[in-house]
Amino acid sequence: MEYKDQNLKDSPAKLSAWRQTKENLLILAIALVLALLIRTFIAEPRFIPSDSMIPTLQLGDRLVVEKISYRFHPPETGDIVVFEPPTQLQIQGYAKDQAFIKRVIGQSGQTISVANGKVYINNKPLTEDYIAESPDYRWGPKQVPENQVFVMGDNRNNSNDSHIWGFLPRENIIGRAWFRFWPFDRVGFVTKK
């Protein structure tokens, strides 16, 4: 009499199911690694939690932040950047991983001032058709240090920005606001204007 142990030999169907499960797990692992790599080095989604960038960006907008271009060139005036809070803000209680979003106004070596409802770069008024209202405060003049930028929110009178806490080190910049994917009625690229 011959004895057959079912545990020693699996059926072809069980082997096929096990292979399919292993392949699915491998595909899932690869997808997770790719997602982490893309989020870390290429782009990531962000949510706008405040009204400091009105009218350009609204509370609740969702954006794709592009991270590649600043590896090849510095941020340009007018770029809308997402950044980690500088030391001054961390001292005030903001977490290092709490991202801010503002517009680059001044570059290293430029002198920035705010007076009479206008922003001046090297004593020349900046044309700003993208702001909510003219600033109702005075600031500067101050020269932007090397490897730093001066950033401001488009909602000038309701923005915690460089006129309050100082210059932003370029190394704190995560990337630039590139594409708004929510809400659907305002989907599109984020431009300098």
N, C-alpha and C. Protein backbone atom coordinates (compact mmCIF):
# COMPACT_ATOMS: atom_id res chain seq x y z
N MET A 1 0.82 -1.16 0.00
CA MET A 1 0.00 0.00 0.00
C MET A 1 0.88 1.26 0.00
N GLU A 2 0.57 2.12 -0.87
CA GLU A 2 1.39 3.33 -1.01
C GLU A 2 0.73 4.48 -0.28
N TYR A 3 1.56 5.21 0.51
CA TYR A 3 1.05 6.35 1.28
C TYR A 3 1.50 7.64 0.62
N LYS A 4 0.59 8.57 0.38
CA LYS A 4 0.93 9.85 -0.24
C LYS A 4 0.73 10.96 0.79
N ASP A 5 1.79 11.67 1.07
CA ASP A 5 1.72 12.79 2.02
C ASP A 5 1.37 14.07 1.25
N GLN A 6 0.22 14.62 1.51
CA GLN A 6 -0.22 15.83 0.81
C GLN A 6 0.65 17.03 1.15
N ASN A 7 1.26 17.02 2.32
CA ASN A 7 2.09 18.16 2.73
C ASN A 7 3.43 18.20 2.00
N LEU A 8 3.92 17.07 1.51
CA LEU A 8 5.21 17.05 0.84
C LEU A 8 5.12 17.56 -0.58
N LYS A 9 4.03 17.34 -1.21
CA LYS A 9 3.87 17.77 -2.61
C LYS A 9 2.65 18.66 -2.72
N ASP A 10 2.90 19.93 -3.07
CA ASP A 10 1.79 20.85 -3.28
C ASP A 10 1.27 20.68 -4.70
N SER A 11 0.03 20.96 -4.86
CA SER A 11 -0.58 20.85 -6.17
C SER A 11 -0.08 22.00 -7.05
N PRO A 12 -0.11 21.82 -8.36
CA PRO A 12 0.30 22.90 -9.26
C PRO A 12 -0.51 24.18 -9.04
N ALA A 13 -1.76 24.07 -8.66
CA ALA A 13 -2.58 25.26 -8.42
C ALA A 13 -2.08 26.05 -7.22
N LYS A 14 -1.67 25.35 -6.15
CA LYS A 14 -1.13 26.03 -4.97
C LYS A 14 0.19 26.70 -5.29
N LEU A 15 1.05 26.04 -6.06
CA LEU A 15 2.33 26.63 -6.44
C LEU A 15 2.10 27.88 -7.29
N SER A 16 1.17 27.81 -8.21
CA SER A 16 0.87 28.95 -9.07
C SER A 16 0.32 30.13 -8.25
N ALA A 17 -0.54 29.84 -7.29
CA ALA A 17 -1.11 30.89 -6.44
C ALA A 17 0.01 31.53 -5.60
N TRP A 18 0.93 30.71 -5.09
CA TRP A 18 2.04 31.24 -4.28
C TRP A 18 2.95 32.13 -5.14
N ARG A 19 3.25 31.70 -6.37
CA ARG A 19 4.07 32.52 -7.28
C ARG A 19 3.38 33.85 -7.57
N GLN A 20 2.08 33.81 -7.81
CA GLN A 20 1.32 35.03 -8.10
C GLN A 20 1.35 35.97 -6.89
N THR A 21 1.22 35.44 -5.69
CA THR A 21 1.28 36.26 -4.47
C THR A 21 2.65 36.90 -4.32
N LYS A 22 3.71 36.12 -4.57
CA LYS A 22 5.08 36.67 -4.48
C LYS A 22 5.28 37.78 -5.51
N GLU A 23 4.79 37.59 -6.73
CA GLU A 23 4.92 38.62 -7.77
C GLU A 23 4.15 39.88 -7.37
N ASN A 24 2.96 39.71 -6.84
CA ASN A 24 2.18 40.88 -6.40
C ASN A 24 2.87 41.63 -5.27
N LEU A 25 3.44 40.89 -4.32
CA LEU A 25 4.17 41.54 -3.23
C LEU A 25 5.40 42.27 -3.75
N LEU A 26 6.09 41.69 -4.72
CA LEU A 26 7.26 42.34 -5.31
C LEU A 26 6.85 43.62 -6.05
N ILE A 27 5.78 43.56 -6.80
CA ILE A 27 5.28 44.75 -7.51
C ILE A 27 4.90 45.84 -6.51
N LEU A 28 4.23 45.46 -5.44
CA LEU A 28 3.84 46.42 -4.41
C LEU A 28 5.09 47.05 -3.76
N ALA A 29 6.10 46.25 -3.46
CA ALA A 29 7.34 46.77 -2.86
C ALA A 29 8.03 47.75 -3.81
N ILE A 30 8.10 47.40 -5.08
CA ILE A 30 8.73 48.29 -6.08
C ILE A 30 7.94 49.60 -6.17
N ALA A 31 6.61 49.51 -6.19
CA ALA A 31 5.78 50.72 -6.26
C ALA A 31 6.01 51.62 -5.05
N LEU A 32 6.11 51.04 -3.87
CA LEU A 32 6.36 51.83 -2.66
C LEU A 32 7.72 52.51 -2.70
N VAL A 33 8.73 51.79 -3.13
CA VAL A 33 10.08 52.36 -3.24
C VAL A 33 10.08 53.50 -4.25
N LEU A 34 9.45 53.29 -5.41
CA LEU A 34 9.37 54.35 -6.42
C LEU A 34 8.63 55.57 -5.89
N ALA A 35 7.52 55.35 -5.19
CA ALA A 35 6.76 56.48 -4.62
C ALA A 35 7.62 57.26 -3.63
N LEU A 36 8.36 56.57 -2.79
CA LEU A 36 9.23 57.26 -1.83
C LEU A 36 10.34 58.02 -2.53
N LEU A 37 10.93 57.43 -3.55
CA LEU A 37 11.99 58.11 -4.30
C LEU A 37 11.45 59.35 -5.01
N ILE A 38 10.29 59.22 -5.64
CA ILE A 38 9.69 60.35 -6.34
C ILE A 38 9.37 61.47 -5.34
N ARG A 39 8.77 61.12 -4.22
CA ARG A 39 8.42 62.13 -3.20
C ARG A 39 9.66 62.78 -2.60
N THR A 40 10.71 62.04 -2.42
CA THR A 40 11.92 62.58 -1.81
C THR A 40 12.72 63.45 -2.76
N PHE A 41 12.84 63.05 -4.02
CA PHE A 41 13.76 63.72 -4.94
C PHE A 41 13.12 64.47 -6.11
N ILE A 42 11.89 64.18 -6.47
CA ILE A 42 11.32 64.74 -7.70
C ILE A 42 10.14 65.67 -7.44
N ALA A 43 9.11 65.20 -6.80
CA ALA A 43 7.91 66.02 -6.57
C ALA A 43 7.11 65.45 -5.42
N GLU A 44 6.31 66.32 -4.81
CA GLU A 44 5.42 65.87 -3.74
C GLU A 44 4.18 66.74 -3.69
N PRO A 45 3.08 66.19 -3.20
CA PRO A 45 1.87 67.00 -3.06
C PRO A 45 1.92 67.83 -1.78
N ARG A 46 1.30 69.00 -1.81
CA ARG A 46 1.21 69.86 -0.63
C ARG A 46 -0.16 70.50 -0.57
N PHE A 47 -0.57 70.83 0.64
CA PHE A 47 -1.86 71.43 0.94
C PHE A 47 -1.60 72.86 1.42
N ILE A 48 -2.40 73.83 0.97
CA ILE A 48 -2.24 75.22 1.40
C ILE A 48 -3.10 75.42 2.66
N PRO A 49 -2.44 75.61 3.83
CA PRO A 49 -3.18 75.66 5.09
C PRO A 49 -3.57 77.07 5.55
N SER A 50 -3.17 78.11 4.81
CA SER A 50 -3.47 79.47 5.27
C SER A 50 -3.83 80.35 4.08
N ASP A 51 -4.21 81.59 4.39
CA ASP A 51 -4.58 82.52 3.32
C ASP A 51 -3.47 83.52 3.02
N SER A 52 -2.23 83.20 3.35
CA SER A 52 -1.12 84.13 3.15
C SER A 52 -0.74 84.33 1.69
N MET A 53 -1.20 83.45 0.79
CA MET A 53 -0.87 83.59 -0.63
C MET A 53 -2.06 84.00 -1.48
N ILE A 54 -3.16 84.41 -0.84
CA ILE A 54 -4.32 84.92 -1.59
C ILE A 54 -3.89 86.18 -2.32
N PRO A 55 -4.26 86.42 -3.54
CA PRO A 55 -5.24 85.70 -4.35
C PRO A 55 -4.66 84.59 -5.22
N THR A 56 -3.33 84.46 -5.26
CA THR A 56 -2.71 83.47 -6.15
C THR A 56 -3.08 82.05 -5.76
N LEU A 57 -2.98 81.75 -4.47
CA LEU A 57 -3.32 80.43 -3.95
C LEU A 57 -4.35 80.60 -2.85
N GLN A 58 -5.35 79.75 -2.86
CA GLN A 58 -6.44 79.83 -1.88
C GLN A 58 -6.25 78.80 -0.77
N LEU A 59 -6.84 79.08 0.36
CA LEU A 59 -6.87 78.13 1.47
C LEU A 59 -7.48 76.82 0.96
N GLY A 60 -6.78 75.71 1.16
CA GLY A 60 -7.27 74.41 0.72
C GLY A 60 -6.79 73.96 -0.63
N ASP A 61 -6.11 74.84 -1.39
CA ASP A 61 -5.54 74.39 -2.67
C ASP A 61 -4.57 73.25 -2.43
N ARG A 62 -4.49 72.37 -3.41
CA ARG A 62 -3.51 71.28 -3.35
C ARG A 62 -2.60 71.40 -4.56
N LEU A 63 -1.29 71.31 -4.28
CA LEU A 63 -0.28 71.57 -5.31
C LEU A 63 0.69 70.42 -5.43
N VAL A 64 1.34 70.36 -6.59
CA VAL A 64 2.52 69.51 -6.76
C VAL A 64 3.71 70.45 -6.63
N VAL A 65 4.62 70.09 -5.73
CA VAL A 65 5.85 70.86 -5.53
C VAL A 65 6.97 70.13 -6.26
N GLU A 66 7.57 70.80 -7.22
CA GLU A 66 8.65 70.23 -8.04
C GLU A 66 9.99 70.50 -7.34
N LYS A 67 10.83 69.47 -7.23
CA LYS A 67 12.06 69.56 -6.44
C LYS A 67 13.35 69.49 -7.25
N ILE A 68 13.28 69.37 -8.55
CA ILE A 68 14.49 69.13 -9.35
C ILE A 68 15.19 70.41 -9.79
N SER A 69 14.44 71.39 -10.25
CA SER A 69 15.04 72.55 -10.93
C SER A 69 16.05 73.31 -10.06
N TYR A 70 15.83 73.40 -8.75
CA TYR A 70 16.75 74.16 -7.91
C TYR A 70 18.07 73.43 -7.66
N ARG A 71 18.18 72.23 -8.14
CA ARG A 71 19.49 71.56 -8.11
C ARG A 71 20.40 72.09 -9.22
N PHE A 72 19.79 72.74 -10.22
CA PHE A 72 20.53 73.24 -11.38
C PHE A 72 20.65 74.75 -11.41
N HIS A 73 19.74 75.45 -10.75
CA HIS A 73 19.80 76.91 -10.69
C HIS A 73 19.09 77.39 -9.43
N PRO A 74 19.46 78.57 -8.95
CA PRO A 74 18.81 79.09 -7.74
C PRO A 74 17.37 79.53 -8.04
N PRO A 75 16.57 79.71 -7.01
CA PRO A 75 15.22 80.22 -7.23
C PRO A 75 15.28 81.60 -7.86
N GLU A 76 14.29 81.90 -8.67
CA GLU A 76 14.23 83.19 -9.36
C GLU A 76 13.19 84.09 -8.70
N THR A 77 13.37 85.38 -8.86
CA THR A 77 12.39 86.32 -8.35
C THR A 77 11.04 86.02 -8.98
N GLY A 78 10.02 85.94 -8.14
CA GLY A 78 8.68 85.62 -8.60
C GLY A 78 8.29 84.17 -8.39
N ASP A 79 9.28 83.28 -8.23
CA ASP A 79 8.97 81.87 -7.97
C ASP A 79 8.20 81.74 -6.66
N ILE A 80 7.24 80.84 -6.63
CA ILE A 80 6.53 80.52 -5.39
C ILE A 80 7.17 79.26 -4.85
N VAL A 81 7.78 79.37 -3.67
CA VAL A 81 8.58 78.28 -3.12
C VAL A 81 7.96 77.72 -1.84
N VAL A 82 8.17 76.44 -1.64
CA VAL A 82 7.80 75.75 -0.41
C VAL A 82 9.10 75.50 0.34
N PHE A 83 9.10 75.78 1.65
CA PHE A 83 10.35 75.68 2.41
C PHE A 83 10.10 75.25 3.85
N GLU A 84 11.16 74.69 4.43
CA GLU A 84 11.16 74.38 5.86
C GLU A 84 11.38 75.68 6.61
N PRO A 85 10.74 75.86 7.76
CA PRO A 85 10.91 77.11 8.49
C PRO A 85 12.36 77.31 8.91
N PRO A 86 12.86 78.54 8.74
CA PRO A 86 14.22 78.82 9.20
C PRO A 86 14.28 78.81 10.73
N THR A 87 15.48 78.90 11.25
CA THR A 87 15.71 78.84 12.70
C THR A 87 14.83 79.83 13.46
N GLN A 88 14.69 81.06 12.93
CA GLN A 88 13.89 82.07 13.61
C GLN A 88 12.46 81.58 13.87
N LEU A 89 11.87 80.89 12.91
CA LEU A 89 10.52 80.38 13.08
C LEU A 89 10.48 79.15 13.99
N GLN A 90 11.51 78.34 13.94
CA GLN A 90 11.56 77.18 14.82
C GLN A 90 11.67 77.62 16.28
N ILE A 91 12.38 78.71 16.52
CA ILE A 91 12.47 79.26 17.88
C ILE A 91 11.09 79.72 18.36
N GLN A 92 10.28 80.20 17.43
CA GLN A 92 8.92 80.65 17.76
C GLN A 92 7.95 79.49 17.96
N GLY A 93 8.41 78.25 17.73
CA GLY A 93 7.57 77.09 17.99
C GLY A 93 7.10 76.32 16.77
N TYR A 94 7.48 76.75 15.57
CA TYR A 94 7.10 76.01 14.37
C TYR A 94 7.99 74.77 14.24
N ALA A 95 7.39 73.65 13.87
CA ALA A 95 8.14 72.40 13.70
C ALA A 95 9.00 72.47 12.44
N LYS A 96 10.15 71.80 12.49
CA LYS A 96 11.07 71.80 11.34
C LYS A 96 10.42 71.24 10.09
N ASP A 97 9.51 70.29 10.25
CA ASP A 97 8.88 69.67 9.08
C ASP A 97 7.58 70.38 8.65
N GLN A 98 7.26 71.51 9.26
CA GLN A 98 6.08 72.29 8.89
C GLN A 98 6.45 73.19 7.72
N ALA A 99 5.91 72.91 6.56
CA ALA A 99 6.28 73.66 5.36
C ALA A 99 5.53 74.98 5.26
N PHE A 100 6.23 75.99 4.73
CA PHE A 100 5.67 77.30 4.43
C PHE A 100 5.70 77.48 2.92
N ILE A 101 4.87 78.39 2.41
CA ILE A 101 4.88 78.71 0.99
C ILE A 101 4.81 80.22 0.83
N LYS A 102 5.74 80.78 0.06
CA LYS A 102 5.81 82.22 -0.17
C LYS A 102 6.41 82.47 -1.55
N ARG A 103 6.38 83.75 -1.95
CA ARG A 103 6.94 84.16 -3.24
C ARG A 103 8.33 84.76 -3.02
N VAL A 104 9.30 84.37 -3.86
CA VAL A 104 10.64 84.96 -3.79
C VAL A 104 10.56 86.38 -4.33
N ILE A 105 11.01 87.34 -3.51
CA ILE A 105 10.98 88.75 -3.89
C ILE A 105 12.39 89.27 -4.12
N GLY A 106 13.32 88.94 -3.24
CA GLY A 106 14.68 89.46 -3.34
C GLY A 106 15.73 88.38 -3.34
N GLN A 107 16.79 88.62 -4.10
CA GLN A 107 17.92 87.69 -4.25
C GLN A 107 19.13 88.20 -3.48
N SER A 108 20.10 87.32 -3.28
CA SER A 108 21.35 87.69 -2.62
C SER A 108 21.94 88.94 -3.27
N GLY A 109 22.35 89.90 -2.42
CA GLY A 109 22.98 91.12 -2.90
C GLY A 109 22.02 92.25 -3.19
N GLN A 110 20.74 91.96 -3.35
CA GLN A 110 19.76 93.02 -3.61
C GLN A 110 19.35 93.69 -2.30
N THR A 111 19.02 94.96 -2.38
CA THR A 111 18.52 95.69 -1.22
C THR A 111 17.00 95.80 -1.33
N ILE A 112 16.32 95.34 -0.28
CA ILE A 112 14.86 95.30 -0.27
C ILE A 112 14.34 96.29 0.77
N SER A 113 13.27 96.97 0.41
CA SER A 113 12.59 97.84 1.37
C SER A 113 11.11 97.85 1.04
N VAL A 114 10.31 98.17 2.05
CA VAL A 114 8.87 98.31 1.89
C VAL A 114 8.49 99.66 2.47
N ALA A 115 7.88 100.51 1.66
CA ALA A 115 7.46 101.84 2.10
C ALA A 115 6.38 102.37 1.18
N ASN A 116 5.50 103.18 1.73
CA ASN A 116 4.45 103.83 0.95
C ASN A 116 3.61 102.85 0.13
N GLY A 117 3.36 101.67 0.70
CA GLY A 117 2.53 100.68 0.03
C GLY A 117 3.19 99.95 -1.13
N LYS A 118 4.52 100.04 -1.23
CA LYS A 118 5.24 99.38 -2.33
C LYS A 118 6.46 98.63 -1.80
N VAL A 119 6.85 97.61 -2.56
CA VAL A 119 8.09 96.88 -2.30
C VAL A 119 9.12 97.41 -3.28
N TYR A 120 10.31 97.70 -2.78
CA TYR A 120 11.39 98.22 -3.61
C TYR A 120 12.55 97.24 -3.64
N ILE A 121 13.09 97.03 -4.83
CA ILE A 121 14.31 96.24 -5.01
C ILE A 121 15.35 97.19 -5.57
N ASN A 122 16.42 97.38 -4.82
CA ASN A 122 17.48 98.32 -5.21
C ASN A 122 16.88 99.69 -5.56
N ASN A 123 15.98 100.17 -4.70
CA ASN A 123 15.33 101.49 -4.82
C ASN A 123 14.36 101.62 -6.00
N LYS A 124 14.04 100.52 -6.68
CA LYS A 124 13.07 100.55 -7.78
C LYS A 124 11.81 99.82 -7.34
N PRO A 125 10.63 100.46 -7.53
CA PRO A 125 9.39 99.80 -7.10
C PRO A 125 9.12 98.54 -7.92
N LEU A 126 8.65 97.53 -7.23
CA LEU A 126 8.31 96.25 -7.86
C LEU A 126 6.86 96.33 -8.34
N THR A 127 6.62 95.96 -9.59
CA THR A 127 5.26 95.90 -10.12
C THR A 127 4.65 94.57 -9.68
N GLU A 128 3.56 94.65 -8.92
CA GLU A 128 2.96 93.44 -8.35
C GLU A 128 1.46 93.42 -8.61
N ASP A 129 1.06 92.82 -9.72
CA ASP A 129 -0.36 92.72 -10.02
C ASP A 129 -0.97 91.46 -9.41
N TYR A 130 -0.21 90.72 -8.63
CA TYR A 130 -0.67 89.46 -8.06
C TYR A 130 -1.00 89.56 -6.57
N ILE A 131 -0.84 90.73 -5.93
CA ILE A 131 -1.05 90.82 -4.49
C ILE A 131 -2.50 91.13 -4.15
N ALA A 132 -2.90 90.77 -2.91
CA ALA A 132 -4.25 91.03 -2.44
C ALA A 132 -4.46 92.53 -2.21
N GLU A 133 -3.47 93.18 -1.58
CA GLU A 133 -3.51 94.62 -1.32
C GLU A 133 -2.10 95.11 -1.03
N SER A 134 -1.90 96.38 -1.14
CA SER A 134 -0.58 96.96 -0.89
C SER A 134 -0.20 96.80 0.58
N PRO A 135 1.08 96.61 0.86
CA PRO A 135 1.51 96.47 2.25
C PRO A 135 1.28 97.77 3.02
N ASP A 136 0.77 97.63 4.26
CA ASP A 136 0.51 98.80 5.09
C ASP A 136 1.56 98.94 6.21
N TYR A 137 2.78 98.56 5.91
CA TYR A 137 3.87 98.64 6.88
C TYR A 137 5.13 99.11 6.17
N ARG A 138 6.12 99.43 6.99
CA ARG A 138 7.45 99.82 6.49
C ARG A 138 8.44 98.74 6.91
N TRP A 139 9.42 98.52 6.07
CA TRP A 139 10.48 97.55 6.38
C TRP A 139 11.73 97.93 5.60
N GLY A 140 12.89 97.75 6.22
CA GLY A 140 14.16 97.97 5.54
C GLY A 140 14.52 99.43 5.42
N PRO A 141 15.46 99.71 4.55
CA PRO A 141 16.10 98.83 3.57
C PRO A 141 17.15 97.90 4.20
N LYS A 142 17.20 96.69 3.66
CA LYS A 142 18.18 95.70 4.08
C LYS A 142 18.66 94.93 2.86
N GLN A 143 19.94 94.57 2.89
CA GLN A 143 20.51 93.80 1.79
C GLN A 143 20.36 92.31 2.07
N VAL A 144 19.96 91.57 1.06
CA VAL A 144 19.79 90.12 1.19
C VAL A 144 21.17 89.47 1.25
N PRO A 145 21.47 88.72 2.33
CA PRO A 145 22.78 88.07 2.44
C PRO A 145 23.00 86.98 1.38
N GLU A 146 24.25 86.59 1.25
CA GLU A 146 24.62 85.54 0.30
C GLU A 146 23.91 84.23 0.65
N ASN A 147 23.49 83.51 -0.39
CA ASN A 147 22.79 82.21 -0.27
C ASN A 147 21.49 82.29 0.50
N GLN A 148 20.85 83.45 0.47
CA GLN A 148 19.55 83.62 1.09
C GLN A 148 18.63 84.37 0.14
N VAL A 149 17.35 84.32 0.42
CA VAL A 149 16.36 85.06 -0.37
C VAL A 149 15.41 85.77 0.58
N PHE A 150 14.70 86.75 0.05
CA PHE A 150 13.66 87.46 0.79
C PHE A 150 12.35 87.00 0.21
N VAL A 151 11.45 86.47 1.05
CA VAL A 151 10.17 85.93 0.57
C VAL A 151 9.01 86.66 1.24
N MET A 152 7.92 86.78 0.48
CA MET A 152 6.71 87.42 1.00
C MET A 152 5.48 86.66 0.50
N GLY A 153 4.42 86.71 1.31
CA GLY A 153 3.14 86.18 0.87
C GLY A 153 2.44 87.20 -0.01
N ASP A 154 1.63 86.74 -0.94
CA ASP A 154 0.89 87.65 -1.82
C ASP A 154 -0.18 88.42 -1.06
N ASN A 155 -0.63 87.89 0.05
CA ASN A 155 -1.56 88.58 0.94
C ASN A 155 -0.71 89.38 1.93
N ARG A 156 -0.11 90.45 1.43
CA ARG A 156 0.95 91.19 2.12
C ARG A 156 0.66 91.52 3.58
N ASN A 157 -0.56 91.89 3.91
CA ASN A 157 -0.86 92.32 5.27
C ASN A 157 -1.32 91.18 6.18
N ASN A 158 -1.29 89.97 5.67
CA ASN A 158 -1.68 88.81 6.47
C ASN A 158 -0.75 87.64 6.14
N SER A 159 0.56 87.89 6.24
CA SER A 159 1.53 86.86 5.89
C SER A 159 2.72 86.89 6.85
N ASN A 160 3.01 85.74 7.42
CA ASN A 160 4.17 85.57 8.29
C ASN A 160 5.36 85.27 7.37
N ASP A 161 6.09 86.31 6.97
CA ASP A 161 7.12 86.15 5.94
C ASP A 161 8.40 86.89 6.33
N SER A 162 9.27 87.10 5.37
CA SER A 162 10.59 87.68 5.63
C SER A 162 10.54 89.06 6.27
N HIS A 163 9.48 89.81 6.06
CA HIS A 163 9.42 91.13 6.69
C HIS A 163 9.23 91.00 8.21
N ILE A 164 8.85 89.82 8.68
CA ILE A 164 8.68 89.57 10.12
C ILE A 164 9.88 88.82 10.70
N TRP A 165 10.30 87.74 10.04
CA TRP A 165 11.33 86.87 10.63
C TRP A 165 12.66 86.89 9.92
N GLY A 166 12.82 87.63 8.86
CA GLY A 166 14.13 87.77 8.21
C GLY A 166 14.28 86.96 6.94
N PHE A 167 15.51 86.77 6.56
CA PHE A 167 15.83 86.15 5.27
C PHE A 167 15.75 84.62 5.36
N LEU A 168 15.48 84.02 4.21
CA LEU A 168 15.34 82.57 4.12
C LEU A 168 16.60 81.97 3.51
N PRO A 169 17.29 81.07 4.24
CA PRO A 169 18.42 80.37 3.62
C PRO A 169 17.94 79.51 2.46
N ARG A 170 18.65 79.56 1.34
CA ARG A 170 18.24 78.76 0.16
C ARG A 170 18.21 77.28 0.47
N GLU A 171 19.04 76.83 1.41
CA GLU A 171 19.08 75.40 1.74
C GLU A 171 17.77 74.92 2.37
N ASN A 172 16.93 75.82 2.86
CA ASN A 172 15.64 75.44 3.45
C ASN A 172 14.56 75.22 2.39
N ILE A 173 14.83 75.62 1.17
CA ILE A 173 13.81 75.50 0.12
C ILE A 173 13.66 74.05 -0.32
N ILE A 174 12.43 73.56 -0.25
CA ILE A 174 12.10 72.20 -0.65
C ILE A 174 11.91 72.13 -2.16
N GLY A 175 11.23 73.10 -2.72
CA GLY A 175 10.96 73.12 -4.16
C GLY A 175 10.03 74.27 -4.50
N ARG A 176 9.58 74.28 -5.76
CA ARG A 176 8.70 75.36 -6.19
C ARG A 176 7.31 74.82 -6.48
N ALA A 177 6.32 75.65 -6.18
CA ALA A 177 4.94 75.30 -6.50
C ALA A 177 4.84 75.22 -8.02
N TRP A 178 4.38 74.10 -8.53
CA TRP A 178 4.43 73.85 -9.97
C TRP A 178 3.04 73.68 -10.58
N PHE A 179 2.19 72.89 -9.94
CA PHE A 179 0.90 72.55 -10.55
C PHE A 179 -0.17 72.43 -9.46
N ARG A 180 -1.30 73.11 -9.67
CA ARG A 180 -2.44 72.99 -8.75
C ARG A 180 -3.35 71.90 -9.30
N PHE A 181 -3.61 70.86 -8.48
CA PHE A 181 -4.47 69.77 -8.93
C PHE A 181 -5.83 69.75 -8.22
N TRP A 182 -6.02 70.66 -7.27
CA TRP A 182 -7.31 70.77 -6.60
C TRP A 182 -7.48 72.19 -6.12
N PRO A 183 -8.63 72.77 -6.25
CA PRO A 183 -9.90 72.25 -6.76
C PRO A 183 -9.92 72.17 -8.29
N PHE A 184 -10.80 71.35 -8.80
CA PHE A 184 -10.84 71.08 -10.23
C PHE A 184 -11.10 72.32 -11.07
N ASP A 185 -11.85 73.28 -10.55
CA ASP A 185 -12.16 74.46 -11.36
C ASP A 185 -10.96 75.40 -11.50
N ARG A 186 -9.87 75.14 -10.76
CA ARG A 186 -8.67 75.97 -10.90
C ARG A 186 -7.41 75.13 -11.17
N VAL A 187 -7.60 73.96 -11.73
CA VAL A 187 -6.47 73.09 -12.07
C VAL A 187 -5.58 73.81 -13.09
N GLY A 188 -4.27 73.72 -12.88
CA GLY A 188 -3.35 74.32 -13.84
C GLY A 188 -1.99 74.62 -13.24
N PHE A 189 -1.08 75.07 -14.08
CA PHE A 189 0.26 75.39 -13.64
C PHE A 189 0.28 76.66 -12.81
N VAL A 190 1.13 76.68 -11.80
CA VAL A 190 1.31 77.87 -10.96
C VAL A 190 2.38 78.72 -11.63
N THR A 191 2.02 79.92 -12.03
CA THR A 191 2.96 80.79 -12.77
C THR A 191 3.42 81.95 -11.91
N LYS A 192 4.47 82.59 -12.36
CA LYS A 192 5.01 83.76 -11.65
C LYS A 192 4.11 84.97 -11.79
N LYS A 193 3.40 85.07 -12.89
CA LYS A 193 2.52 86.18 -13.27
C LYS A 193 3.36 87.34 -13.70
